[in-house]
Amino acid sequence: MTLPHNSSGPSSELEDAATDFEPSDADLKDGDVKDSNPCNSGNNAAPPPLEAAGEALDTDPATGAAQSGHNSTAADNDALIDAEHPRQRMSRGQVGAYILLPLVVMLMAAVAGHLKYQDNSIRDAQTAAMSSVLAAKEGTIALLSYTPETAQATLTAARDRLTGSFRDSYTSLTNDVVIPGAKQKRISATATVPAASSVSANPNRAVVLVFVDQSVIVGNDAPSGTASTVQVTLDKIGDRWLISGFDPK
């Protein structure tokens, strides 16, 4: 049995499909080459998601410029700044040290000088107290001790231990009362100082509290004793402590 011949057989259909698939000149752009093989049409599809993500990371959405070089430069700048920060902090620390160190040295020198001054002041006060107490004891004994035969000489010599207005008062008292009475009434006086204590002292002035025991004999009478306390004020004149005040308490 013979099949009827169809003029539009398979070969005609293939030719028509090839004609429909062939691109027109309008569809081709300059420099573009389109593969006419329908089997290769898949090569023009969108890139895989991984490659697309890579391209998105390398481009700026706003400018479309590549970002990989920019990111590298920014990272390098950040690393450079981080590396310079320690040097900047070290430089500021050194400047602070250069400013603070002299101030600390000056402060320590001032404190040391003040402490030395205080130490010297304490030493001077202690020396003044010791020497003024000794001068007060010796002066008190010299002022209150005499005999009828030695009254003129000893009481006159005692004036050399005095200064100021007290010297003048003592001179008047001894010349007008004590020396004449000692000669006329045969009065003898002996003073001792069992104790003395510094009240205050500095290199120029001192106050001493003196405890005095005095024994007095008039003529042939029995001796009579008295005990008293005297506040003695002394001034430093040259290298000597001289009595400027003699106040019984």
C-alpha atoms as a PDB file:
ATOM      1  CA  MET A   1       0.000   0.000   0.000  1.00  0.00           C
ATOM      2  CA  THR A   2       1.255   3.332  -0.983  1.00  0.00           C
ATOM      3  CA  LEU A   3       1.033   6.308   1.383  1.00  0.00           C
ATOM      4  CA  PRO A   4      -0.052   9.579  -0.126  1.00  0.00           C
ATOM      5  CA  HIS A   5       2.833  12.078  -0.770  1.00  0.00           C
ATOM      6  CA  ASN A   6       2.628  15.245   1.267  1.00  0.00           C
ATOM      7  CA  SER A   7       4.447  18.165  -0.277  1.00  0.00           C
ATOM      8  CA  SER A   8       5.000  19.673   3.152  1.00  0.00           C
ATOM      9  CA  GLY A   9       6.958  16.771   4.538  1.00  0.00           C
ATOM     10  CA  PRO A  10       9.437  16.720   7.369  1.00  0.00           C
ATOM     11  CA  SER A  11      12.132  18.392   5.330  1.00  0.00           C
ATOM     12  CA  SER A  12       9.878  21.320   4.602  1.00  0.00           C
ATOM     13  CA  GLU A  13       9.022  21.704   8.279  1.00  0.00           C
ATOM     14  CA  LEU A  14      12.725  21.702   9.247  1.00  0.00           C
ATOM     15  CA  GLU A  15      13.503  24.347   6.679  1.00  0.00           C
ATOM     16  CA  ASP A  16      10.662  26.513   7.977  1.00  0.00           C
ATOM     17  CA  ALA A  17      11.908  26.141  11.587  1.00  0.00           C
ATOM     18  CA  ALA A  18      15.426  27.072  10.582  1.00  0.00           C
ATOM     19  CA  THR A  19      14.127  30.098   8.774  1.00  0.00           C
ATOM     20  CA  ASP A  20      12.108  31.210  11.829  1.00  0.00           C
ATOM     21  CA  PHE A  21      15.091  30.744  14.136  1.00  0.00           C
ATOM     22  CA  GLU A  22      17.547  32.761  12.027  1.00  0.00           C
ATOM     23  CA  PRO A  23      17.809  36.278  13.566  1.00  0.00           C
ATOM     24  CA  SER A  24      17.109  39.327  11.572  1.00  0.00           C
ATOM     25  CA  ASP A  25      19.581  42.120  10.983  1.00  0.00           C
ATOM     26  CA  ALA A  26      17.572  44.370  13.298  1.00  0.00           C
ATOM     27  CA  ASP A  27      17.974  41.942  16.161  1.00  0.00           C
ATOM     28  CA  LEU A  28      21.773  41.981  15.884  1.00  0.00           C
ATOM     29  CA  LYS A  29      23.724  44.856  17.392  1.00  0.00           C
ATOM     30  CA  ASP A  30      27.135  46.040  16.340  1.00  0.00           C
ATOM     31  CA  GLY A  31      29.843  43.634  17.407  1.00  0.00           C
ATOM     32  CA  ASP A  32      27.327  41.006  18.644  1.00  0.00           C
ATOM     33  CA  VAL A  33      27.455  37.524  17.321  1.00  0.00           C
ATOM     34  CA  LYS A  34      24.469  35.338  18.006  1.00  0.00           C
ATOM     35  CA  ASP A  35      24.758  31.609  17.801  1.00  0.00           C
ATOM     36  CA  SER A  36      22.139  30.256  15.494  1.00  0.00           C
ATOM     37  CA  ASN A  37      22.269  26.922  17.166  1.00  0.00           C
ATOM     38  CA  PRO A  38      19.281  26.632  19.460  1.00  0.00           C
ATOM     39  CA  CYS A  39      21.249  24.219  21.595  1.00  0.00           C
ATOM     40  CA  ASN A  40      23.648  26.982  22.570  1.00  0.00           C
ATOM     41  CA  SER A  41      20.917  29.393  23.565  1.00  0.00           C
ATOM     42  CA  GLY A  42      21.444  28.477  27.243  1.00  0.00           C
ATOM     43  CA  ASN A  43      24.932  30.113  27.211  1.00  0.00           C
ATOM     44  CA  ASN A  44      23.341  33.565  27.173  1.00  0.00           C
ATOM     45  CA  ALA A  45      21.373  32.959  30.407  1.00  0.00           C
ATOM     46  CA  ALA A  46      21.974  34.949  33.675  1.00  0.00           C
ATOM     47  CA  PRO A  47      25.079  33.962  35.640  1.00  0.00           C
ATOM     48  CA  PRO A  48      24.757  31.685  38.610  1.00  0.00           C
ATOM     49  CA  PRO A  49      23.775  33.315  41.942  1.00  0.00           C
ATOM     50  CA  LEU A  50      27.318  32.915  43.376  1.00  0.00           C
ATOM     51  CA  GLU A  51      28.940  34.768  40.477  1.00  0.00           C
ATOM     52  CA  ALA A  52      26.240  37.444  40.633  1.00  0.00           C
ATOM     53  CA  ALA A  53      26.856  37.925  44.336  1.00  0.00           C
ATOM     54  CA  GLY A  54      30.583  38.260  43.642  1.00  0.00           C
ATOM     55  CA  GLU A  55      29.942  40.892  41.022  1.00  0.00           C
ATOM     56  CA  ALA A  56      27.584  42.741  43.400  1.00  0.00           C
ATOM     57  CA  LEU A  57      30.337  42.901  46.020  1.00  0.00           C
ATOM     58  CA  ASP A  58      32.766  44.342  43.498  1.00  0.00           C
ATOM     59  CA  THR A  59      30.535  47.164  42.300  1.00  0.00           C
ATOM     60  CA  ASP A  60      28.968  50.199  43.934  1.00  0.00           C
ATOM     61  CA  PRO A  61      25.185  50.188  43.480  1.00  0.00           C
ATOM     62  CA  ALA A  62      25.111  54.002  43.192  1.00  0.00           C
ATOM     63  CA  THR A  63      28.087  54.652  40.932  1.00  0.00           C
ATOM     64  CA  GLY A  64      28.673  51.241  39.431  1.00  0.00           C
ATOM     65  CA  ALA A  65      32.387  51.675  40.174  1.00  0.00           C
ATOM     66  CA  ALA A  66      34.515  48.822  41.383  1.00  0.00           C
ATOM     67  CA  GLN A  67      34.911  48.734  45.169  1.00  0.00           C
ATOM     68  CA  SER A  68      37.650  46.174  45.734  1.00  0.00           C
ATOM     69  CA  GLY A  69      40.475  48.736  45.440  1.00  0.00           C
ATOM     70  CA  HIS A  70      38.596  51.254  47.585  1.00  0.00           C
ATOM     71  CA  ASN A  71      37.973  48.700  50.320  1.00  0.00           C
ATOM     72  CA  SER A  72      41.635  47.704  50.288  1.00  0.00           C
ATOM     73  CA  THR A  73      42.757  51.359  50.577  1.00  0.00           C
ATOM     74  CA  ALA A  74      40.337  52.050  53.471  1.00  0.00           C
ATOM     75  CA  ALA A  75      41.583  48.986  55.326  1.00  0.00           C
ATOM     76  CA  ASP A  76      45.176  50.095  54.800  1.00  0.00           C
ATOM     77  CA  ASN A  77      44.338  53.591  56.122  1.00  0.00           C
ATOM     78  CA  ASP A  78      42.618  52.134  59.205  1.00  0.00           C
ATOM     79  CA  ALA A  79      45.628  49.921  59.875  1.00  0.00           C
ATOM     80  CA  LEU A  80      47.957  52.924  59.476  1.00  0.00           C
ATOM     81  CA  ILE A  81      45.885  55.027  61.901  1.00  0.00           C
ATOM     82  CA  ASP A  82      45.780  52.182  64.408  1.00  0.00           C
ATOM     83  CA  ALA A  83      49.537  51.820  64.101  1.00  0.00           C
ATOM     84  CA  GLU A  84      50.080  55.561  64.631  1.00  0.00           C
ATOM     85  CA  HIS A  85      47.810  55.856  67.681  1.00  0.00           C
ATOM     86  CA  PRO A  86      50.291  54.205  70.094  1.00  0.00           C
ATOM     87  CA  ARG A  87      53.003  56.597  68.936  1.00  0.00           C
ATOM     88  CA  GLN A  88      50.676  59.542  69.469  1.00  0.00           C
ATOM     89  CA  ARG A  89      49.808  58.346  72.971  1.00  0.00           C
ATOM     90  CA  MET A  90      53.482  57.757  73.739  1.00  0.00           C
ATOM     91  CA  SER A  91      54.342  61.239  72.506  1.00  0.00           C
ATOM     92  CA  ARG A  92      51.663  62.800  74.725  1.00  0.00           C
ATOM     93  CA  GLY A  93      52.893  60.763  77.675  1.00  0.00           C
ATOM     94  CA  GLN A  94      56.419  61.943  77.106  1.00  0.00           C
ATOM     95  CA  VAL A  95      55.261  65.561  76.929  1.00  0.00           C
ATOM     96  CA  GLY A  96      53.329  65.100  80.158  1.00  0.00           C
ATOM     97  CA  ALA A  97      56.373  63.553  81.789  1.00  0.00           C
ATOM     98  CA  TYR A  98      58.558  66.457  80.678  1.00  0.00           C
ATOM     99  CA  ILE A  99      56.041  68.880  82.250  1.00  0.00           C
ATOM    100  CA  LEU A 100      55.247  66.973  85.433  1.00  0.00           C
ATOM    101  CA  LEU A 101      58.744  65.749  86.262  1.00  0.00           C
ATOM    102  CA  PRO A 102      60.232  69.229  86.860  1.00  0.00           C
ATOM    103  CA  LEU A 103      57.182  70.183  88.919  1.00  0.00           C
ATOM    104  CA  VAL A 104      57.564  67.081  91.056  1.00  0.00           C
ATOM    105  CA  VAL A 105      61.277  67.761  91.495  1.00  0.00           C
ATOM    106  CA  MET A 106      60.583  71.371  92.475  1.00  0.00           C
ATOM    107  CA  LEU A 107      57.871  70.279  94.907  1.00  0.00           C
ATOM    108  CA  MET A 108      60.150  67.695  96.481  1.00  0.00           C
ATOM    109  CA  ALA A 109      62.932  70.281  96.762  1.00  0.00           C
ATOM    110  CA  ALA A 110      60.532  72.738  98.395  1.00  0.00           C
ATOM    111  CA  VAL A 111      59.309  70.107 100.859  1.00  0.00           C
ATOM    112  CA  ALA A 112      62.876  69.064 101.626  1.00  0.00           C
ATOM    113  CA  GLY A 113      63.854  72.694 102.135  1.00  0.00           C
ATOM    114  CA  HIS A 114      60.884  73.265 104.417  1.00  0.00           C
ATOM    115  CA  LEU A 115      61.654  70.149 106.440  1.00  0.00           C
ATOM    116  CA  LYS A 116      65.290  71.182 106.685  1.00  0.00           C
ATOM    117  CA  TYR A 117      64.221  74.644 107.819  1.00  0.00           C
ATOM    118  CA  GLN A 118      61.928  73.137 110.438  1.00  0.00           C
ATOM    119  CA  ASP A 119      64.687  70.793 111.580  1.00  0.00           C
ATOM    120  CA  ASN A 120      67.134  73.679 111.836  1.00  0.00           C
ATOM    121  CA  SER A 121      64.536  75.765 113.683  1.00  0.00           C
ATOM    122  CA  ILE A 122      63.937  72.965 116.175  1.00  0.00           C
ATOM    123  CA  ARG A 123      67.659  72.509 116.700  1.00  0.00           C
ATOM    124  CA  ASP A 124      68.148  76.252 117.152  1.00  0.00           C
ATOM    125  CA  ALA A 125      65.280  76.412 119.644  1.00  0.00           C
ATOM    126  CA  GLN A 126      66.686  73.488 121.620  1.00  0.00           C
ATOM    127  CA  THR A 127      70.133  75.085 121.701  1.00  0.00           C
ATOM    128  CA  ALA A 128      68.635  78.417 122.759  1.00  0.00           C
ATOM    129  CA  ALA A 129      66.628  76.762 125.529  1.00  0.00           C
ATOM    130  CA  MET A 130      69.640  74.975 126.974  1.00  0.00           C
ATOM    131  CA  SER A 131      71.952  77.988 126.879  1.00  0.00           C
ATOM    132  CA  SER A 132      69.320  80.425 128.165  1.00  0.00           C
ATOM    133  CA  VAL A 133      68.446  78.180 131.128  1.00  0.00           C
ATOM    134  CA  LEU A 134      72.110  78.064 132.095  1.00  0.00           C
ATOM    135  CA  ALA A 135      72.415  81.861 131.770  1.00  0.00           C
ATOM    136  CA  ALA A 136      69.272  82.389 133.881  1.00  0.00           C
ATOM    137  CA  LYS A 137      70.541  80.116 136.676  1.00  0.00           C
ATOM    138  CA  GLU A 138      73.981  81.720 136.815  1.00  0.00           C
ATOM    139  CA  GLY A 139      72.547  85.263 136.573  1.00  0.00           C
ATOM    140  CA  THR A 140      70.030  84.681 139.351  1.00  0.00           C
ATOM    141  CA  ILE A 141      72.734  83.419 141.716  1.00  0.00           C
ATOM    142  CA  ALA A 142      74.948  86.393 140.858  1.00  0.00           C
ATOM    143  CA  LEU A 143      72.160  88.930 141.423  1.00  0.00           C
ATOM    144  CA  LEU A 144      71.064  87.588 144.834  1.00  0.00           C
ATOM    145  CA  SER A 145      74.345  86.562 146.451  1.00  0.00           C
ATOM    146  CA  TYR A 146      76.680  88.919 148.348  1.00  0.00           C
ATOM    147  CA  THR A 147      78.401  89.550 151.670  1.00  0.00           C
ATOM    148  CA  PRO A 148      79.119  92.815 153.534  1.00  0.00           C
ATOM    149  CA  GLU A 149      82.699  92.740 152.309  1.00  0.00           C
ATOM    150  CA  THR A 150      82.013  91.783 148.681  1.00  0.00           C
ATOM    151  CA  ALA A 151      78.644  93.476 148.074  1.00  0.00           C
ATOM    152  CA  GLN A 152      80.106  96.420 146.170  1.00  0.00           C
ATOM    153  CA  ALA A 153      82.222  94.331 143.817  1.00  0.00           C
ATOM    154  CA  THR A 154      79.904  91.337 143.283  1.00  0.00           C
ATOM    155  CA  LEU A 155      76.731  93.333 142.748  1.00  0.00           C
ATOM    156  CA  THR A 156      78.500  95.750 140.431  1.00  0.00           C
ATOM    157  CA  ALA A 157      79.885  92.832 138.424  1.00  0.00           C
ATOM    158  CA  ALA A 158      76.411  91.295 138.243  1.00  0.00           C
ATOM    159  CA  ARG A 159      75.233  94.277 136.192  1.00  0.00           C
ATOM    160  CA  ASP A 160      77.198  92.919 133.239  1.00  0.00           C
ATOM    161  CA  ARG A 161      74.648  90.089 133.051  1.00  0.00           C
ATOM    162  CA  LEU A 162      71.779  92.533 132.543  1.00  0.00           C
ATOM    163  CA  THR A 163      70.426  94.600 129.648  1.00  0.00           C
ATOM    164  CA  GLY A 164      67.776  97.209 128.926  1.00  0.00           C
ATOM    165  CA  SER A 165      65.686  98.936 131.520  1.00  0.00           C
ATOM    166  CA  PHE A 166      66.148  96.145 134.035  1.00  0.00           C
ATOM    167  CA  ARG A 167      69.859  96.900 134.168  1.00  0.00           C
ATOM    168  CA  ASP A 168      69.088 100.511 135.088  1.00  0.00           C
ATOM    169  CA  SER A 169      66.563  99.509 137.783  1.00  0.00           C
ATOM    170  CA  TYR A 170      68.937  96.968 139.322  1.00  0.00           C
ATOM    171  CA  THR A 171      71.783  99.465 139.350  1.00  0.00           C
ATOM    172  CA  SER A 172      69.661 102.011 141.210  1.00  0.00           C
ATOM    173  CA  LEU A 173      68.411  99.410 143.727  1.00  0.00           C
ATOM    174  CA  THR A 174      71.827  98.016 144.552  1.00  0.00           C
ATOM    175  CA  ASN A 175      73.533 101.399 144.780  1.00  0.00           C
ATOM    176  CA  ASP A 176      70.813 103.001 146.886  1.00  0.00           C
ATOM    177  CA  VAL A 177      69.614 100.127 149.140  1.00  0.00           C
ATOM    178  CA  VAL A 178      71.376  96.783 148.944  1.00  0.00           C
ATOM    179  CA  ILE A 179      75.058  97.713 149.059  1.00  0.00           C
ATOM    180  CA  PRO A 180      74.669 100.352 151.847  1.00  0.00           C
ATOM    181  CA  GLY A 181      72.451  97.996 153.907  1.00  0.00           C
ATOM    182  CA  ALA A 182      74.851  95.083 153.505  1.00  0.00           C
ATOM    183  CA  LYS A 183      77.688  97.194 154.828  1.00  0.00           C
ATOM    184  CA  GLN A 184      75.779  98.815 157.654  1.00  0.00           C
ATOM    185  CA  LYS A 185      73.815  95.823 158.942  1.00  0.00           C
ATOM    186  CA  ARG A 186      76.272  93.131 158.023  1.00  0.00           C
ATOM    187  CA  ILE A 187      73.879  91.353 155.733  1.00  0.00           C
ATOM    188  CA  SER A 188      74.935  88.288 153.833  1.00  0.00           C
ATOM    189  CA  ALA A 189      72.811  86.540 151.230  1.00  0.00           C
ATOM    190  CA  THR A 190      73.370  83.246 149.459  1.00  0.00           C
ATOM    191  CA  ALA A 191      71.138  82.065 146.587  1.00  0.00           C
ATOM    192  CA  THR A 192      70.870  78.644 145.022  1.00  0.00           C
ATOM    193  CA  VAL A 193      68.770  77.408 142.087  1.00  0.00           C
ATOM    194  CA  PRO A 194      67.566  73.846 142.596  1.00  0.00           C
ATOM    195  CA  ALA A 195      65.611  73.833 139.344  1.00  0.00           C
ATOM    196  CA  ALA A 196      64.939  75.852 136.238  1.00  0.00           C
ATOM    197  CA  SER A 197      62.796  75.197 133.178  1.00  0.00           C
ATOM    198  CA  SER A 198      62.579  76.783 129.765  1.00  0.00           C
ATOM    199  CA  VAL A 199      59.218  78.379 129.057  1.00  0.00           C
ATOM    200  CA  SER A 200      60.005  79.510 125.525  1.00  0.00           C
ATOM    201  CA  ALA A 201      63.119  79.975 123.461  1.00  0.00           C
ATOM    202  CA  ASN A 202      64.262  81.090 120.045  1.00  0.00           C
ATOM    203  CA  PRO A 203      67.644  82.257 118.816  1.00  0.00           C
ATOM    204  CA  ASN A 204      66.950  85.843 119.959  1.00  0.00           C
ATOM    205  CA  ARG A 205      64.758  85.651 123.068  1.00  0.00           C
ATOM    206  CA  ALA A 206      64.003  83.199 125.867  1.00  0.00           C
ATOM    207  CA  VAL A 207      61.901  82.919 129.000  1.00  0.00           C
ATOM    208  CA  VAL A 208      62.998  80.707 131.901  1.00  0.00           C
ATOM    209  CA  LEU A 209      61.181  79.803 135.085  1.00  0.00           C
ATOM    210  CA  VAL A 210      63.701  79.685 137.943  1.00  0.00           C
ATOM    211  CA  PHE A 211      63.144  78.165 141.417  1.00  0.00           C
ATOM    212  CA  VAL A 212      65.229  80.053 143.951  1.00  0.00           C
ATOM    213  CA  ASP A 213      66.241  79.221 147.487  1.00  0.00           C
ATOM    214  CA  GLN A 214      67.853  82.162 149.328  1.00  0.00           C
ATOM    215  CA  SER A 215      69.429  82.162 152.780  1.00  0.00           C
ATOM    216  CA  VAL A 216      69.932  85.559 154.504  1.00  0.00           C
ATOM    217  CA  ILE A 217      71.978  86.318 157.614  1.00  0.00           C
ATOM    218  CA  VAL A 218      71.733  89.700 159.324  1.00  0.00           C
ATOM    219  CA  GLY A 219      74.557  90.415 161.755  1.00  0.00           C
ATOM    220  CA  ASN A 220      74.803  87.615 164.273  1.00  0.00           C
ATOM    221  CA  ASP A 221      71.247  86.383 163.763  1.00  0.00           C
ATOM    222  CA  ALA A 222      70.428  82.902 162.641  1.00  0.00           C
ATOM    223  CA  PRO A 223      70.005  82.496 158.910  1.00  0.00           C
ATOM    224  CA  SER A 224      66.529  82.677 157.454  1.00  0.00           C
ATOM    225  CA  GLY A 225      65.599  80.931 154.280  1.00  0.00           C
ATOM    226  CA  THR A 226      63.078  81.813 151.640  1.00  0.00           C
ATOM    227  CA  ALA A 227      61.930  79.961 148.523  1.00  0.00           C
ATOM    228  CA  SER A 228      60.552  81.758 145.526  1.00  0.00           C
ATOM    229  CA  THR A 229      59.884  81.383 141.839  1.00  0.00           C
ATOM    230  CA  VAL A 230      61.106  83.958 139.377  1.00  0.00           C
ATOM    231  CA  GLN A 231      60.345  84.322 135.676  1.00  0.00           C
ATOM    232  CA  VAL A 232      63.542  85.428 133.994  1.00  0.00           C
ATOM    233  CA  THR A 233      63.470  86.957 130.509  1.00  0.00           C
ATOM    234  CA  LEU A 234      66.667  86.947 128.472  1.00  0.00           C
ATOM    235  CA  ASP A 235      67.706  88.590 125.212  1.00  0.00           C
ATOM    236  CA  LYS A 236      70.520  87.378 122.994  1.00  0.00           C
ATOM    237  CA  ILE A 237      73.026  90.208 122.636  1.00  0.00           C
ATOM    238  CA  GLY A 238      75.914  89.165 120.444  1.00  0.00           C
ATOM    239  CA  ASP A 239      76.865  85.720 121.689  1.00  0.00           C
ATOM    240  CA  ARG A 240      75.590  86.225 125.256  1.00  0.00           C
ATOM    241  CA  TRP A 241      72.244  85.774 126.957  1.00  0.00           C
ATOM    242  CA  LEU A 242      71.530  88.879 129.085  1.00  0.00           C
ATOM    243  CA  ILE A 243      68.698  89.229 131.600  1.00  0.00           C
ATOM    244  CA  SER A 244      66.116  91.825 130.535  1.00  0.00           C
ATOM    245  CA  GLY A 245      63.379  90.915 133.028  1.00  0.00           C
ATOM    246  CA  PHE A 246      63.252  89.493 136.558  1.00  0.00           C
ATOM    247  CA  ASP A 247      59.687  88.999 137.802  1.00  0.00           C
ATOM    248  CA  PRO A 248      58.935  87.102 141.063  1.00  0.00           C
ATOM    249  CA  LYS A 249      55.865  84.826 140.866  1.00  0.00           C
END
